[in-house]
Amino acid sequence: MAFRFIHASDLHLGIKFANIPEPSDGTIRGRLREARHAVIGRIAQAARDHGASDIVLAGDTFHTPTPSHGLVRQALAAMGEDTSVRWWLLPGNHDNLREAEPLWDMIAASAPANVQGVRTADPIVLAPGAVLLPCPVVWRSAGTDPTDGLAQIATAPGVLRIGLAHGGVTDFTDSGASIPPNRDVSARLDYLALGDWHGRVQVGPRVHYPGSPEQDRFKHGQRGLCLAVTLDGTGAVPHVTEVTVGQFLWQELALELTPRSDAAALAALLPTAGRRDLMIRVQASGWAGLPDQVALRRAADQLGPEFAHFELQMGALGTQYDVADLDEIDRGGALRLAADTLLAAAEDASAAGSDREVAADALARLYAIVKEEQS
């Protein structure tokens, strides 16, 4: 009979999201942390929907080796709510065995019966004919391949071999610190469940990263996933289904502008639905005049609060200068002198690019301040 299970990884419970600015009237960091707890229930639901009794979590369940007592107990309680689903938690580099030894002691002592911390490389029988071969991370920077011993582990003929490990896959290196991309072949694995990379990656038909079930960066362009895996028999190609479980979508959008572009281009670019759960970064590029940049910033200030997080990056946006625009700052006096000085610095081909960018940004901000006072 087919064997079904859920493959997840990199939950990183307790991550603080210190790199995300917290608005004075907002709670985005708290919402992002809470979503990581809530995704436990969505992963369990994926198991029920798929007819799976086992969830293998391939490392970094916790973001640090010393999470708070309450954080751990709440996570274990959530996993224990459905006793028909078993959780197998593998130590990763963030919650490795040595630095997080008290954590794994706590899990062993207080976890519900359906939640198991996998602290040794001993084979685990998941079901008749299916064995889990775990590779717990001992040290965060061990510099070794955690799957190196899998090939030497013997199992009975006809038994499904499921590897569970945490680490990066690259080509073979002299250091031996990476997991070979063909480890499934050398260790006779029917599936290798990996964690560490936070985005979805299929290394081969039997080697997969699901990525983090809740994303944490502007890189992958999709909500977090877990994988529903079906193994029909030894040697068969696994059936792997991506199951969306993430609440927040992190999106980086490109906004290409031309001189005299209408600020409505920004509004047209942005998603219209579900904005409260969208983390948006807009990368503006091309060329825009000073009035256009002011209009763009105002549009961003107006639309941004509708999103969980919104940032407009204008470092790659060039400025087209017009004498009439400088006249709007001042036709003479100190402000005009400052504007002319900044313009000269922004167009100085002999200056460093970073210096020209600073001058251009300062001139744009000077224009915006003057127009704000005039309005």
Protein backbone atom coordinates (compact mmCIF):
# COMPACT_ATOMS: atom_id res chain seq x y z
CA MET A 1 0.00 0.00 0.00
CA ALA A 2 1.06 3.59 -0.57
CA PHE A 3 2.65 5.46 2.32
CA ARG A 4 1.74 9.13 2.79
CA PHE A 5 3.36 11.80 4.93
CA ILE A 6 3.85 15.56 5.17
CA HIS A 7 7.28 17.13 4.73
CA ALA A 8 7.81 20.55 6.33
CA SER A 9 10.82 22.47 7.62
CA ASP A 10 12.20 25.73 8.98
CA LEU A 11 9.28 26.85 11.09
CA HIS A 12 11.64 29.12 13.09
CA LEU A 13 9.27 29.70 15.97
CA GLY A 14 10.40 32.71 17.99
CA ILE A 15 12.01 34.69 15.17
CA LYS A 16 11.75 38.40 16.04
CA PHE A 17 11.71 40.03 12.56
CA ALA A 18 13.90 42.87 13.82
CA ASN A 19 14.67 43.82 10.20
CA ILE A 20 11.05 44.82 9.57
CA PRO A 21 10.29 48.43 10.63
CA GLU A 22 7.45 48.57 13.12
CA PRO A 23 5.07 51.48 12.52
CA SER A 24 4.18 53.45 15.65
CA ASP A 25 0.57 52.32 15.37
CA GLY A 26 1.26 48.84 13.98
CA THR A 27 1.89 45.31 15.22
CA ILE A 28 3.37 43.66 12.13
CA ARG A 29 6.19 41.87 13.94
CA GLY A 30 3.72 40.35 16.36
CA ARG A 31 1.43 39.31 13.52
CA LEU A 32 4.32 37.63 11.69
CA ARG A 33 5.33 35.72 14.82
CA GLU A 34 1.75 34.68 15.50
CA ALA A 35 1.40 33.41 11.92
CA ARG A 36 4.27 31.01 12.56
CA HIS A 37 2.40 29.51 15.47
CA ALA A 38 -0.87 29.36 13.52
CA VAL A 39 0.76 27.52 10.61
CA ILE A 40 1.16 24.49 12.89
CA GLY A 41 -2.59 23.95 12.61
CA ARG A 42 -2.55 24.39 8.84
CA ILE A 43 0.22 21.79 8.46
CA ALA A 44 -1.81 19.36 10.58
CA GLN A 45 -4.83 20.05 8.37
CA ALA A 46 -2.72 19.27 5.30
CA ALA A 47 -1.90 15.91 6.85
CA ARG A 48 -5.58 15.16 7.43
CA ASP A 49 -6.51 16.26 3.91
CA HIS A 50 -3.79 14.06 2.44
CA GLY A 51 -4.59 11.03 4.55
CA ALA A 52 -1.20 11.17 6.27
CA SER A 53 -0.46 10.18 9.85
CA ASP A 54 3.08 11.56 9.99
CA ILE A 55 4.64 15.02 9.68
CA VAL A 56 8.42 15.14 9.36
CA LEU A 57 9.84 18.57 10.19
CA ALA A 58 13.35 18.81 8.73
CA GLY A 59 15.05 21.07 11.25
CA ASP A 60 14.86 24.57 12.73
CA THR A 61 11.51 24.18 14.42
CA PHE A 62 12.77 26.93 16.73
CA HIS A 63 14.75 30.00 15.69
CA THR A 64 17.16 29.91 18.63
CA PRO A 65 18.56 27.16 20.84
CA THR A 66 16.98 28.84 23.87
CA PRO A 67 13.35 29.70 23.06
CA SER A 68 11.14 30.76 25.94
CA HIS A 69 9.41 28.09 27.99
CA GLY A 70 5.99 29.44 27.01
CA LEU A 71 6.83 29.45 23.30
CA VAL A 72 7.88 25.80 23.40
CA ARG A 73 4.92 24.63 25.47
CA GLN A 74 2.43 26.45 23.26
CA ALA A 75 3.96 24.93 20.11
CA LEU A 76 3.89 21.43 21.58
CA ALA A 77 0.30 21.90 22.72
CA ALA A 78 -0.74 22.96 19.22
CA MET A 79 0.96 19.91 17.71
CA GLY A 80 -0.70 17.70 20.30
CA GLU A 81 -4.25 18.82 19.53
CA ASP A 82 -4.81 16.08 16.94
CA THR A 83 -3.43 12.84 18.34
CA SER A 84 -4.03 11.03 15.05
CA VAL A 85 -1.12 12.98 13.53
CA ARG A 86 2.46 12.37 14.66
CA TRP A 87 5.15 15.05 14.52
CA TRP A 88 8.83 14.18 14.11
CA LEU A 89 11.05 17.16 14.99
CA LEU A 90 14.64 17.06 13.73
CA PRO A 91 17.30 19.30 15.31
CA GLY A 92 18.59 21.77 12.73
CA ASN A 93 21.41 24.29 12.81
CA HIS A 94 19.40 26.89 14.79
CA ASP A 95 18.16 24.35 17.35
CA ASN A 96 21.06 21.87 17.17
CA LEU A 97 21.56 19.15 19.72
CA ARG A 98 24.47 20.66 21.64
CA GLU A 99 23.45 24.31 21.98
CA ALA A 100 19.79 23.40 22.45
CA GLU A 101 20.26 20.39 24.72
CA PRO A 102 17.90 21.81 27.41
CA LEU A 103 15.29 22.43 24.69
CA TRP A 104 15.38 18.82 23.51
CA ASP A 105 15.33 17.62 27.13
CA MET A 106 12.18 19.71 27.65
CA ILE A 107 10.58 18.26 24.53
CA ALA A 108 11.41 14.72 25.63
CA ALA A 109 9.97 15.35 29.09
CA SER A 110 6.84 17.34 28.29
CA ALA A 111 5.79 16.83 24.66
CA PRO A 112 2.49 15.09 23.94
CA ALA A 113 2.79 11.44 22.96
CA ASN A 114 2.33 12.28 19.27
CA VAL A 115 5.30 14.69 19.20
CA GLN A 116 8.81 13.27 19.13
CA GLY A 117 12.15 15.04 19.09
CA VAL A 118 14.54 13.01 16.93
CA ARG A 119 17.85 13.14 18.81
CA THR A 120 19.67 10.11 17.35
CA ALA A 121 20.36 8.67 13.91
CA ASP A 122 18.59 5.42 14.78
CA PRO A 123 16.00 4.26 12.20
CA ILE A 124 12.38 4.91 13.15
CA VAL A 125 9.60 2.62 11.92
CA LEU A 126 6.78 4.89 10.76
CA ALA A 127 4.57 2.10 9.49
CA PRO A 128 4.98 -1.51 8.35
CA GLY A 129 7.27 -1.19 5.33
CA ALA A 130 8.34 2.45 5.92
CA VAL A 131 11.39 3.59 7.90
CA LEU A 132 12.55 7.12 8.72
CA LEU A 133 16.33 7.62 8.65
CA PRO A 134 17.01 10.86 10.58
CA CYS A 135 20.22 12.91 10.54
CA PRO A 136 20.03 15.32 13.51
CA VAL A 137 22.40 18.30 13.47
CA VAL A 138 24.81 18.09 16.40
CA TRP A 139 26.65 21.42 16.03
CA ARG A 140 25.54 24.56 14.19
CA SER A 141 28.81 24.82 12.22
CA ALA A 142 29.99 21.23 12.19
CA GLY A 143 31.45 21.50 8.68
CA THR A 144 30.34 17.97 7.82
CA ASP A 145 27.66 16.36 5.67
CA PRO A 146 24.85 15.29 8.05
CA THR A 147 23.73 12.54 5.63
CA ASP A 148 27.16 10.93 5.33
CA GLY A 149 26.19 7.82 7.30
CA LEU A 150 22.90 7.05 5.57
CA ALA A 151 24.40 4.65 3.04
CA GLN A 152 25.70 2.42 5.85
CA ILE A 153 22.29 1.99 7.52
CA ALA A 154 20.73 -1.33 6.53
CA THR A 155 17.01 -1.96 6.21
CA ALA A 156 15.03 -5.01 5.17
CA PRO A 157 14.34 -5.57 1.46
CA GLY A 158 11.18 -3.87 0.22
CA VAL A 159 11.13 -1.31 3.03
CA LEU A 160 10.69 2.34 2.08
CA ARG A 161 13.74 4.40 3.12
CA ILE A 162 12.92 8.05 3.97
CA GLY A 163 15.88 10.29 4.81
CA LEU A 164 15.39 13.36 7.02
CA ALA A 165 18.18 15.96 7.15
CA HIS A 166 19.00 19.65 7.47
CA GLY A 167 21.67 21.36 5.38
CA GLY A 168 22.57 22.77 1.98
CA VAL A 169 22.89 20.80 -1.24
CA THR A 170 25.64 21.80 -3.67
CA ASP A 171 28.14 19.99 -5.85
CA PHE A 172 30.75 17.92 -4.10
CA THR A 173 33.38 20.02 -2.33
CA ASP A 174 36.68 19.24 -0.64
CA SER A 175 35.23 20.29 2.72
CA GLY A 176 32.49 17.65 2.63
CA ALA A 177 30.17 20.08 4.42
CA SER A 178 27.40 19.97 1.85
CA ILE A 179 24.85 17.26 1.12
CA PRO A 180 25.54 15.60 -2.24
CA PRO A 181 22.62 16.17 -4.63
CA ASN A 182 22.59 12.44 -5.45
CA ARG A 183 22.43 11.28 -1.83
CA ASP A 184 19.15 9.55 -2.61
CA VAL A 185 21.02 7.26 -5.02
CA SER A 186 24.08 6.57 -2.86
CA ALA A 187 21.95 5.87 0.24
CA ARG A 188 19.20 3.97 -1.63
CA LEU A 189 16.56 6.43 -0.46
CA ASP A 190 13.02 6.51 -1.74
CA TYR A 191 12.76 10.12 -0.54
CA LEU A 192 15.10 12.63 1.11
CA ALA A 193 13.25 15.28 3.14
CA LEU A 194 15.51 18.31 3.54
CA GLY A 195 15.41 21.56 5.44
CA ASP A 196 17.60 24.68 5.64
CA TRP A 197 16.72 26.54 2.44
CA HIS A 198 13.70 28.75 3.06
CA GLY A 199 12.39 28.58 -0.49
CA ARG A 200 10.86 25.67 -2.35
CA VAL A 201 13.54 23.67 -4.21
CA GLN A 202 13.35 20.35 -5.98
CA VAL A 203 16.88 18.96 -6.22
CA GLY A 204 15.72 15.77 -7.92
CA PRO A 205 12.63 13.54 -8.12
CA ARG A 206 13.38 12.13 -4.65
CA VAL A 207 15.16 15.11 -3.02
CA HIS A 208 13.08 18.11 -1.93
CA TYR A 209 13.10 21.27 0.17
CA PRO A 210 9.61 22.57 1.02
CA GLY A 211 10.93 25.93 2.24
CA SER A 212 9.60 27.69 5.30
CA PRO A 213 5.83 27.29 5.79
CA GLU A 214 5.75 31.03 6.58
CA GLN A 215 8.07 33.10 4.41
CA ASP A 216 10.42 35.66 5.96
CA ARG A 217 12.04 37.49 3.05
CA PHE A 218 11.42 39.18 -0.31
CA LYS A 219 12.88 36.39 -2.39
CA HIS A 220 10.60 33.51 -3.21
CA GLY A 221 7.43 35.23 -4.43
CA GLN A 222 4.93 32.71 -3.07
CA ARG A 223 3.26 31.84 0.19
CA GLY A 224 4.88 29.23 2.40
CA LEU A 225 4.38 25.55 1.63
CA CYS A 226 4.55 22.09 3.00
CA LEU A 227 4.79 19.00 0.80
CA ALA A 228 2.32 16.13 0.72
CA VAL A 229 4.31 13.06 -0.30
CA THR A 230 3.05 9.68 -1.48
CA LEU A 231 5.39 6.71 -1.91
CA ASP A 232 3.81 3.89 -3.90
CA GLY A 233 6.68 1.46 -3.34
CA THR A 234 10.43 1.10 -3.24
CA GLY A 235 12.06 2.53 -6.35
CA ALA A 236 8.90 4.32 -7.49
CA VAL A 237 9.08 8.05 -8.20
CA PRO A 238 7.38 9.90 -5.30
CA HIS A 239 4.21 11.88 -5.86
CA VAL A 240 4.88 15.31 -4.33
CA THR A 241 2.13 17.91 -3.98
CA GLU A 242 2.75 21.47 -2.86
CA VAL A 243 0.26 22.57 -0.22
CA THR A 244 0.03 26.30 0.50
CA VAL A 245 -0.11 26.91 4.24
CA GLY A 246 1.44 30.38 4.65
CA GLN A 247 -0.62 33.38 5.69
CA PHE A 248 1.68 36.16 4.51
CA LEU A 249 2.87 36.73 0.96
CA TRP A 250 6.15 38.62 0.55
CA GLN A 251 6.29 40.26 -2.88
CA GLU A 252 8.93 42.38 -4.56
CA LEU A 253 7.47 44.33 -7.48
CA ALA A 254 9.29 46.21 -10.24
CA LEU A 255 7.99 49.66 -11.22
CA GLU A 256 9.60 50.98 -14.42
CA LEU A 257 9.00 54.71 -14.87
CA THR A 258 9.53 57.18 -17.68
CA PRO A 259 9.64 60.99 -17.37
CA ARG A 260 6.22 62.47 -16.61
CA SER A 261 4.87 59.09 -15.59
CA ASP A 262 1.57 59.26 -13.78
CA ALA A 263 1.76 58.21 -10.11
CA ALA A 264 -1.25 56.03 -10.91
CA ALA A 265 1.29 53.53 -12.26
CA LEU A 266 2.00 52.54 -8.67
CA ALA A 267 -1.64 51.93 -7.84
CA ALA A 268 -2.05 49.87 -11.02
CA LEU A 269 0.92 47.70 -10.07
CA LEU A 270 -0.26 46.76 -6.58
CA PRO A 271 -2.46 43.74 -5.77
CA THR A 272 -6.04 44.70 -5.00
CA ALA A 273 -7.14 41.86 -2.69
CA GLY A 274 -5.97 40.64 0.70
CA ARG A 275 -3.67 43.59 1.30
CA ARG A 276 -3.56 43.15 5.07
CA ASP A 277 -1.56 39.93 4.61
CA LEU A 278 0.80 41.24 1.93
CA MET A 279 4.40 42.30 2.54
CA ILE A 280 5.26 44.56 -0.40
CA ARG A 281 8.53 46.02 -1.61
CA VAL A 282 8.40 48.18 -4.75
CA GLN A 283 11.65 48.70 -6.66
CA ALA A 284 11.28 51.84 -8.76
CA SER A 285 13.63 52.28 -11.72
CA GLY A 286 13.85 54.29 -14.94
CA TRP A 287 13.54 58.07 -14.94
CA ALA A 288 11.24 60.57 -13.29
CA GLY A 289 11.20 64.31 -12.80
CA LEU A 290 11.11 65.97 -9.39
CA PRO A 291 7.32 66.53 -9.49
CA ASP A 292 6.83 62.90 -10.52
CA GLN A 293 8.90 61.69 -7.59
CA VAL A 294 6.90 63.78 -5.15
CA ALA A 295 3.68 62.37 -6.58
CA LEU A 296 5.08 58.84 -6.34
CA ARG A 297 6.04 59.28 -2.68
CA ARG A 298 2.62 60.72 -1.88
CA ALA A 299 0.91 57.78 -3.58
CA ALA A 300 3.07 55.39 -1.56
CA ASP A 301 2.19 57.21 1.66
CA GLN A 302 -1.49 56.96 0.80
CA LEU A 303 -1.55 53.30 -0.27
CA GLY A 304 1.11 51.83 1.99
CA PRO A 305 -0.93 51.62 5.22
CA GLU A 306 -3.37 49.23 3.53
CA PHE A 307 -0.67 46.53 3.50
CA ALA A 308 0.91 44.49 6.28
CA HIS A 309 4.20 46.08 5.26
CA PHE A 310 5.03 48.44 2.41
CA GLU A 311 8.29 49.96 1.26
CA LEU A 312 9.16 51.98 -1.81
CA GLN A 313 12.80 51.82 -2.88
CA MET A 314 13.90 54.57 -5.28
CA GLY A 315 17.67 54.05 -5.32
CA ALA A 316 17.61 52.81 -8.92
CA LEU A 317 15.33 55.63 -10.11
CA GLY A 318 17.12 58.31 -12.08
CA THR A 319 16.04 61.96 -11.90
CA GLN A 320 15.31 64.05 -14.97
CA TYR A 321 15.95 67.70 -14.09
CA ASP A 322 14.05 70.67 -15.44
CA VAL A 323 14.91 74.33 -14.81
CA ALA A 324 11.23 75.01 -14.22
CA ASP A 325 11.28 72.49 -11.37
CA LEU A 326 14.20 74.27 -9.74
CA ASP A 327 12.34 77.56 -10.13
CA GLU A 328 9.53 76.04 -8.07
CA ILE A 329 12.03 75.57 -5.22
CA ASP A 330 13.20 79.19 -5.45
CA ARG A 331 14.24 81.62 -8.18
CA GLY A 332 17.05 82.99 -6.05
CA GLY A 333 18.40 83.09 -2.53
CA ALA A 334 19.69 80.36 -0.28
CA LEU A 335 17.27 77.64 -1.36
CA ARG A 336 18.06 78.12 -5.03
CA LEU A 337 21.77 78.14 -4.27
CA ALA A 338 21.36 74.86 -2.39
CA ALA A 339 19.34 73.37 -5.26
CA ASP A 340 21.93 74.42 -7.87
CA THR A 341 24.75 73.01 -5.74
CA LEU A 342 22.94 69.67 -5.33
CA LEU A 343 22.14 69.53 -9.04
CA ALA A 344 25.78 70.09 -9.93
CA ALA A 345 26.84 67.33 -7.53
CA ALA A 346 24.20 64.94 -8.88
CA GLU A 347 25.42 65.46 -12.47
CA ASP A 348 29.16 65.43 -11.68
CA ALA A 349 30.48 62.56 -13.79
CA SER A 350 33.81 62.63 -11.94
CA ALA A 351 32.18 61.97 -8.55
CA ALA A 352 31.52 58.54 -7.08
CA GLY A 353 28.17 57.04 -7.95
CA SER A 354 27.12 56.91 -4.32
CA ASP A 355 27.87 60.62 -3.90
CA ARG A 356 25.78 61.47 -6.97
CA GLU A 357 22.92 59.36 -5.59
CA VAL A 358 23.04 61.16 -2.25
CA ALA A 359 22.97 64.56 -3.96
CA ALA A 360 20.09 63.54 -6.23
CA ASP A 361 18.10 62.21 -3.28
CA ALA A 362 18.76 65.38 -1.29
CA LEU A 363 17.57 67.54 -4.17
CA ALA A 364 14.41 65.47 -4.55
CA ARG A 365 13.72 65.78 -0.84
CA LEU A 366 14.34 69.53 -0.91
CA TYR A 367 11.82 69.85 -3.72
CA ALA A 368 9.32 67.71 -1.82
CA ILE A 369 9.70 69.77 1.36
CA VAL A 370 9.18 73.04 -0.50
CA LYS A 371 6.10 71.71 -2.31
CA GLU A 372 4.70 70.38 0.95
CA GLU A 373 5.03 73.83 2.56
CA GLN A 374 3.40 75.45 -0.47
CA SER A 375 0.41 73.13 -0.46
